[in-house]
Amino acid sequence: MRRCRLQVYPDVAFPGFVEDGAKAVSWLVDNVAQHGGETGRVNLMGHSAGGHIAAMLALDARYLDATDKGRAVLGRWVGLAGPYAFYPSEVRSVRDIFAQLPEDRARPITFAAPGAPPALLLHGASDRTVYPWNSVHLSNTLQEHGVTAAVKI
């Protein structure tokens, strides 16, 4: 198995880490059978920044389309305390990571639309790093678009 070096900001910024996630999904689809996995749809799950990446992969089709797989390879996705509706420019600790593109490109909620994979959004009620309204707002918006989505606070 090939090893890769973990890259973090400032070596990589948005959307680089989402593009890396798309490449990982593509690799998984291509190689799962030879490692004993099932070849059905890929379910994604992530916590905090990982929840943001999972949401971007599930909701913004351009990332998986760029790998030639497309979003059809996805099953469901689960997000744990993800920043789905935040404005990066308002969060000092991540502002520079997202500064290269228009702000809405980094907001998963922007891409909530019919045809998105079903979502389960979990969030701690007392979370003061990523506020629970991110999960509630995304779940409501997905449901408004006819997408199966549940939120548990």
C-alpha atoms as a PDB file:
ATOM      1  CA  MET A   1       0.000   0.000   0.000  1.00  0.00           C
ATOM      2  CA  ARG A   2       1.301   3.420  -0.937  1.00  0.00           C
ATOM      3  CA  ARG A   3       1.885   5.851   1.909  1.00  0.00           C
ATOM      4  CA  CYS A   4       1.014   9.481   1.603  1.00  0.00           C
ATOM      5  CA  ARG A   5       2.181  12.487   3.529  1.00  0.00           C
ATOM      6  CA  LEU A   6      -0.537  14.320   5.431  1.00  0.00           C
ATOM      7  CA  GLN A   7      -0.736  17.880   4.223  1.00  0.00           C
ATOM      8  CA  VAL A   8      -2.230  20.637   6.318  1.00  0.00           C
ATOM      9  CA  TYR A   9      -2.633  24.380   6.004  1.00  0.00           C
ATOM     10  CA  PRO A  10      -0.703  26.377   4.803  1.00  0.00           C
ATOM     11  CA  ASP A  11       0.574  23.626   2.455  1.00  0.00           C
ATOM     12  CA  VAL A  12      -2.996  22.965   1.358  1.00  0.00           C
ATOM     13  CA  ALA A  13      -6.130  25.097   1.599  1.00  0.00           C
ATOM     14  CA  PHE A  14      -9.742  24.773   0.539  1.00  0.00           C
ATOM     15  CA  PRO A  15     -10.724  23.074  -1.715  1.00  0.00           C
ATOM     16  CA  GLY A  16      -7.587  20.890  -1.667  1.00  0.00           C
ATOM     17  CA  PHE A  17      -8.676  18.759   1.258  1.00  0.00           C
ATOM     18  CA  VAL A  18     -12.099  18.106  -0.310  1.00  0.00           C
ATOM     19  CA  GLU A  19     -10.398  17.159  -3.591  1.00  0.00           C
ATOM     20  CA  ASP A  20      -8.222  14.733  -1.595  1.00  0.00           C
ATOM     21  CA  GLY A  21     -11.395  13.248  -0.077  1.00  0.00           C
ATOM     22  CA  ALA A  22     -12.830  12.746  -3.570  1.00  0.00           C
ATOM     23  CA  LYS A  23      -9.647  10.960  -4.647  1.00  0.00           C
ATOM     24  CA  ALA A  24      -9.915   8.711  -1.574  1.00  0.00           C
ATOM     25  CA  VAL A  25     -13.530   7.813  -2.442  1.00  0.00           C
ATOM     26  CA  SER A  26     -12.478   7.076  -6.029  1.00  0.00           C
ATOM     27  CA  TRP A  27      -9.616   4.869  -4.840  1.00  0.00           C
ATOM     28  CA  LEU A  28     -11.965   3.033  -2.486  1.00  0.00           C
ATOM     29  CA  VAL A  29     -14.484   2.348  -5.262  1.00  0.00           C
ATOM     30  CA  ASP A  30     -11.697   1.029  -7.504  1.00  0.00           C
ATOM     31  CA  ASN A  31      -9.995  -1.110  -4.852  1.00  0.00           C
ATOM     32  CA  VAL A  32     -12.514  -2.197  -2.226  1.00  0.00           C
ATOM     33  CA  ALA A  33     -13.116  -5.670  -3.667  1.00  0.00           C
ATOM     34  CA  GLN A  34      -9.438  -6.661  -3.619  1.00  0.00           C
ATOM     35  CA  HIS A  35      -9.351  -5.791   0.087  1.00  0.00           C
ATOM     36  CA  GLY A  36     -12.412  -7.871   0.941  1.00  0.00           C
ATOM     37  CA  GLY A  37     -14.931  -5.033   0.972  1.00  0.00           C
ATOM     38  CA  GLU A  38     -18.321  -4.925  -0.647  1.00  0.00           C
ATOM     39  CA  THR A  39     -18.685  -3.082  -3.917  1.00  0.00           C
ATOM     40  CA  GLY A  40     -21.955  -1.302  -3.094  1.00  0.00           C
ATOM     41  CA  ARG A  41     -22.283   2.377  -2.468  1.00  0.00           C
ATOM     42  CA  VAL A  42     -19.819   4.240  -0.267  1.00  0.00           C
ATOM     43  CA  ASN A  43     -21.147   5.709   2.974  1.00  0.00           C
ATOM     44  CA  LEU A  44     -19.272   8.714   4.280  1.00  0.00           C
ATOM     45  CA  MET A  45     -18.821   9.865   7.855  1.00  0.00           C
ATOM     46  CA  GLY A  46     -16.830  12.670   9.390  1.00  0.00           C
ATOM     47  CA  HIS A  47     -16.479  14.690  12.573  1.00  0.00           C
ATOM     48  CA  SER A  48     -16.069  18.478  12.666  1.00  0.00           C
ATOM     49  CA  ALA A  49     -13.763  19.360   9.732  1.00  0.00           C
ATOM     50  CA  GLY A  50     -14.237  15.773   8.521  1.00  0.00           C
ATOM     51  CA  GLY A  51     -17.992  16.316   8.672  1.00  0.00           C
ATOM     52  CA  HIS A  52     -17.518  19.393   6.510  1.00  0.00           C
ATOM     53  CA  ILE A  53     -15.527  17.342   3.982  1.00  0.00           C
ATOM     54  CA  ALA A  54     -18.136  14.553   3.968  1.00  0.00           C
ATOM     55  CA  ALA A  55     -20.866  17.150   3.429  1.00  0.00           C
ATOM     56  CA  MET A  56     -18.991  18.801   0.582  1.00  0.00           C
ATOM     57  CA  LEU A  57     -18.456  15.432  -1.128  1.00  0.00           C
ATOM     58  CA  ALA A  58     -22.097  14.474  -0.671  1.00  0.00           C
ATOM     59  CA  LEU A  59     -23.614  17.809  -1.654  1.00  0.00           C
ATOM     60  CA  ASP A  60     -21.291  19.461  -4.203  1.00  0.00           C
ATOM     61  CA  ALA A  61     -21.177  17.023  -7.123  1.00  0.00           C
ATOM     62  CA  ARG A  62     -18.196  18.717  -8.797  1.00  0.00           C
ATOM     63  CA  TYR A  63     -15.692  16.950  -6.505  1.00  0.00           C
ATOM     64  CA  LEU A  64     -16.664  13.367  -7.289  1.00  0.00           C
ATOM     65  CA  ASP A  65     -17.447  14.273 -10.907  1.00  0.00           C
ATOM     66  CA  ALA A  66     -13.800  15.350 -11.236  1.00  0.00           C
ATOM     67  CA  THR A  67     -12.694  11.801 -10.355  1.00  0.00           C
ATOM     68  CA  ASP A  68     -14.922  10.254 -13.070  1.00  0.00           C
ATOM     69  CA  LYS A  69     -16.953   8.459 -10.402  1.00  0.00           C
ATOM     70  CA  GLY A  70     -19.742  10.931  -9.800  1.00  0.00           C
ATOM     71  CA  ARG A  71     -21.929  11.254  -6.739  1.00  0.00           C
ATOM     72  CA  ALA A  72     -23.870   8.098  -7.698  1.00  0.00           C
ATOM     73  CA  VAL A  73     -21.197   6.022  -5.898  1.00  0.00           C
ATOM     74  CA  LEU A  74     -22.387   7.429  -2.576  1.00  0.00           C
ATOM     75  CA  GLY A  75     -24.932   5.850  -0.300  1.00  0.00           C
ATOM     76  CA  ARG A  76     -25.602   7.839   2.853  1.00  0.00           C
ATOM     77  CA  TRP A  77     -23.506  10.216   4.860  1.00  0.00           C
ATOM     78  CA  VAL A  78     -23.216  11.001   8.546  1.00  0.00           C
ATOM     79  CA  GLY A  79     -21.891  14.241   9.928  1.00  0.00           C
ATOM     80  CA  LEU A  80     -20.834  14.735  13.539  1.00  0.00           C
ATOM     81  CA  ALA A  81     -20.728  18.370  14.632  1.00  0.00           C
ATOM     82  CA  GLY A  82     -19.826  19.736  11.210  1.00  0.00           C
ATOM     83  CA  PRO A  83     -19.686  23.407  10.217  1.00  0.00           C
ATOM     84  CA  TYR A  84     -22.230  23.125   7.398  1.00  0.00           C
ATOM     85  CA  ALA A  85     -23.736  26.604   7.379  1.00  0.00           C
ATOM     86  CA  PHE A  86     -20.917  28.745   8.760  1.00  0.00           C
ATOM     87  CA  TYR A  87     -19.332  31.697   6.995  1.00  0.00           C
ATOM     88  CA  PRO A  88     -15.557  31.063   6.945  1.00  0.00           C
ATOM     89  CA  SER A  89     -14.771  34.784   6.888  1.00  0.00           C
ATOM     90  CA  GLU A  90     -16.420  35.118  10.303  1.00  0.00           C
ATOM     91  CA  VAL A  91     -14.250  32.447  11.973  1.00  0.00           C
ATOM     92  CA  ARG A  92     -10.765  33.832  12.573  1.00  0.00           C
ATOM     93  CA  SER A  93      -9.169  30.412  13.085  1.00  0.00           C
ATOM     94  CA  VAL A  94     -10.126  29.192   9.570  1.00  0.00           C
ATOM     95  CA  ARG A  95     -10.533  32.421   7.582  1.00  0.00           C
ATOM     96  CA  ASP A  96      -7.257  32.086   5.652  1.00  0.00           C
ATOM     97  CA  ILE A  97      -7.850  28.399   4.832  1.00  0.00           C
ATOM     98  CA  PHE A  98     -10.957  29.334   2.836  1.00  0.00           C
ATOM     99  CA  ALA A  99      -9.851  32.700   1.435  1.00  0.00           C
ATOM    100  CA  GLN A 100      -8.942  31.490  -2.088  1.00  0.00           C
ATOM    101  CA  LEU A 101     -12.516  31.070  -3.359  1.00  0.00           C
ATOM    102  CA  PRO A 102     -15.876  32.797  -2.943  1.00  0.00           C
ATOM    103  CA  GLU A 103     -17.235  32.077   0.514  1.00  0.00           C
ATOM    104  CA  ASP A 104     -20.352  30.206  -0.599  1.00  0.00           C
ATOM    105  CA  ARG A 105     -18.154  27.565  -2.302  1.00  0.00           C
ATOM    106  CA  ALA A 106     -17.060  26.465   1.197  1.00  0.00           C
ATOM    107  CA  ARG A 107     -20.545  26.264   2.715  1.00  0.00           C
ATOM    108  CA  PRO A 108     -22.098  22.804   2.316  1.00  0.00           C
ATOM    109  CA  ILE A 109     -25.574  24.235   2.832  1.00  0.00           C
ATOM    110  CA  THR A 110     -25.142  26.163  -0.428  1.00  0.00           C
ATOM    111  CA  PHE A 111     -25.296  22.852  -2.304  1.00  0.00           C
ATOM    112  CA  ALA A 112     -28.344  21.332  -0.610  1.00  0.00           C
ATOM    113  CA  ALA A 113     -30.514  20.255  -3.533  1.00  0.00           C
ATOM    114  CA  PRO A 114     -32.738  17.431  -4.740  1.00  0.00           C
ATOM    115  CA  GLY A 115     -30.815  14.244  -5.472  1.00  0.00           C
ATOM    116  CA  ALA A 116     -28.358  14.573  -2.605  1.00  0.00           C
ATOM    117  CA  PRO A 117     -27.622  11.419  -0.597  1.00  0.00           C
ATOM    118  CA  PRO A 118     -29.557  10.894   2.654  1.00  0.00           C
ATOM    119  CA  ALA A 119     -27.958  12.475   5.716  1.00  0.00           C
ATOM    120  CA  LEU A 120     -27.823  11.883   9.449  1.00  0.00           C
ATOM    121  CA  LEU A 121     -26.488  14.896  11.331  1.00  0.00           C
ATOM    122  CA  LEU A 122     -25.443  14.435  14.965  1.00  0.00           C
ATOM    123  CA  HIS A 123     -24.442  17.293  17.220  1.00  0.00           C
ATOM    124  CA  GLY A 124     -23.768  17.877  20.912  1.00  0.00           C
ATOM    125  CA  ALA A 125     -26.189  20.374  22.424  1.00  0.00           C
ATOM    126  CA  SER A 126     -23.416  22.098  24.370  1.00  0.00           C
ATOM    127  CA  ASP A 127     -20.929  22.372  21.489  1.00  0.00           C
ATOM    128  CA  ARG A 128     -19.485  25.885  21.513  1.00  0.00           C
ATOM    129  CA  THR A 129     -16.848  25.298  18.830  1.00  0.00           C
ATOM    130  CA  VAL A 130     -19.257  24.377  16.030  1.00  0.00           C
ATOM    131  CA  TYR A 131     -22.726  25.416  17.091  1.00  0.00           C
ATOM    132  CA  PRO A 132     -25.609  22.929  16.734  1.00  0.00           C
ATOM    133  CA  TRP A 133     -27.580  25.318  14.507  1.00  0.00           C
ATOM    134  CA  ASN A 134     -25.249  24.217  11.678  1.00  0.00           C
ATOM    135  CA  SER A 135     -26.738  20.715  11.766  1.00  0.00           C
ATOM    136  CA  VAL A 136     -30.306  21.875  12.326  1.00  0.00           C
ATOM    137  CA  HIS A 137     -30.179  24.389   9.491  1.00  0.00           C
ATOM    138  CA  LEU A 138     -28.637  21.922   7.023  1.00  0.00           C
ATOM    139  CA  SER A 139     -31.123  19.184   7.919  1.00  0.00           C
ATOM    140  CA  ASN A 140     -34.051  21.558   7.447  1.00  0.00           C
ATOM    141  CA  THR A 141     -32.686  22.820   4.134  1.00  0.00           C
ATOM    142  CA  LEU A 142     -32.102  19.292   2.820  1.00  0.00           C
ATOM    143  CA  GLN A 143     -35.636  18.304   3.815  1.00  0.00           C
ATOM    144  CA  GLU A 144     -37.024  21.383   2.039  1.00  0.00           C
ATOM    145  CA  HIS A 145     -35.386  19.990  -1.108  1.00  0.00           C
ATOM    146  CA  GLY A 146     -36.930  16.551  -0.615  1.00  0.00           C
ATOM    147  CA  VAL A 147     -33.730  14.930   0.647  1.00  0.00           C
ATOM    148  CA  THR A 148     -33.995  12.446   3.523  1.00  0.00           C
ATOM    149  CA  ALA A 149     -32.206  14.093   6.432  1.00  0.00           C
ATOM    150  CA  ALA A 150     -32.373  13.695  10.184  1.00  0.00           C
ATOM    151  CA  VAL A 151     -30.749  15.703  12.919  1.00  0.00           C
ATOM    152  CA  LYS A 152     -30.125  14.511  16.485  1.00  0.00           C
ATOM    153  CA  ILE A 153     -28.939  17.051  19.036  1.00  0.00           C
END
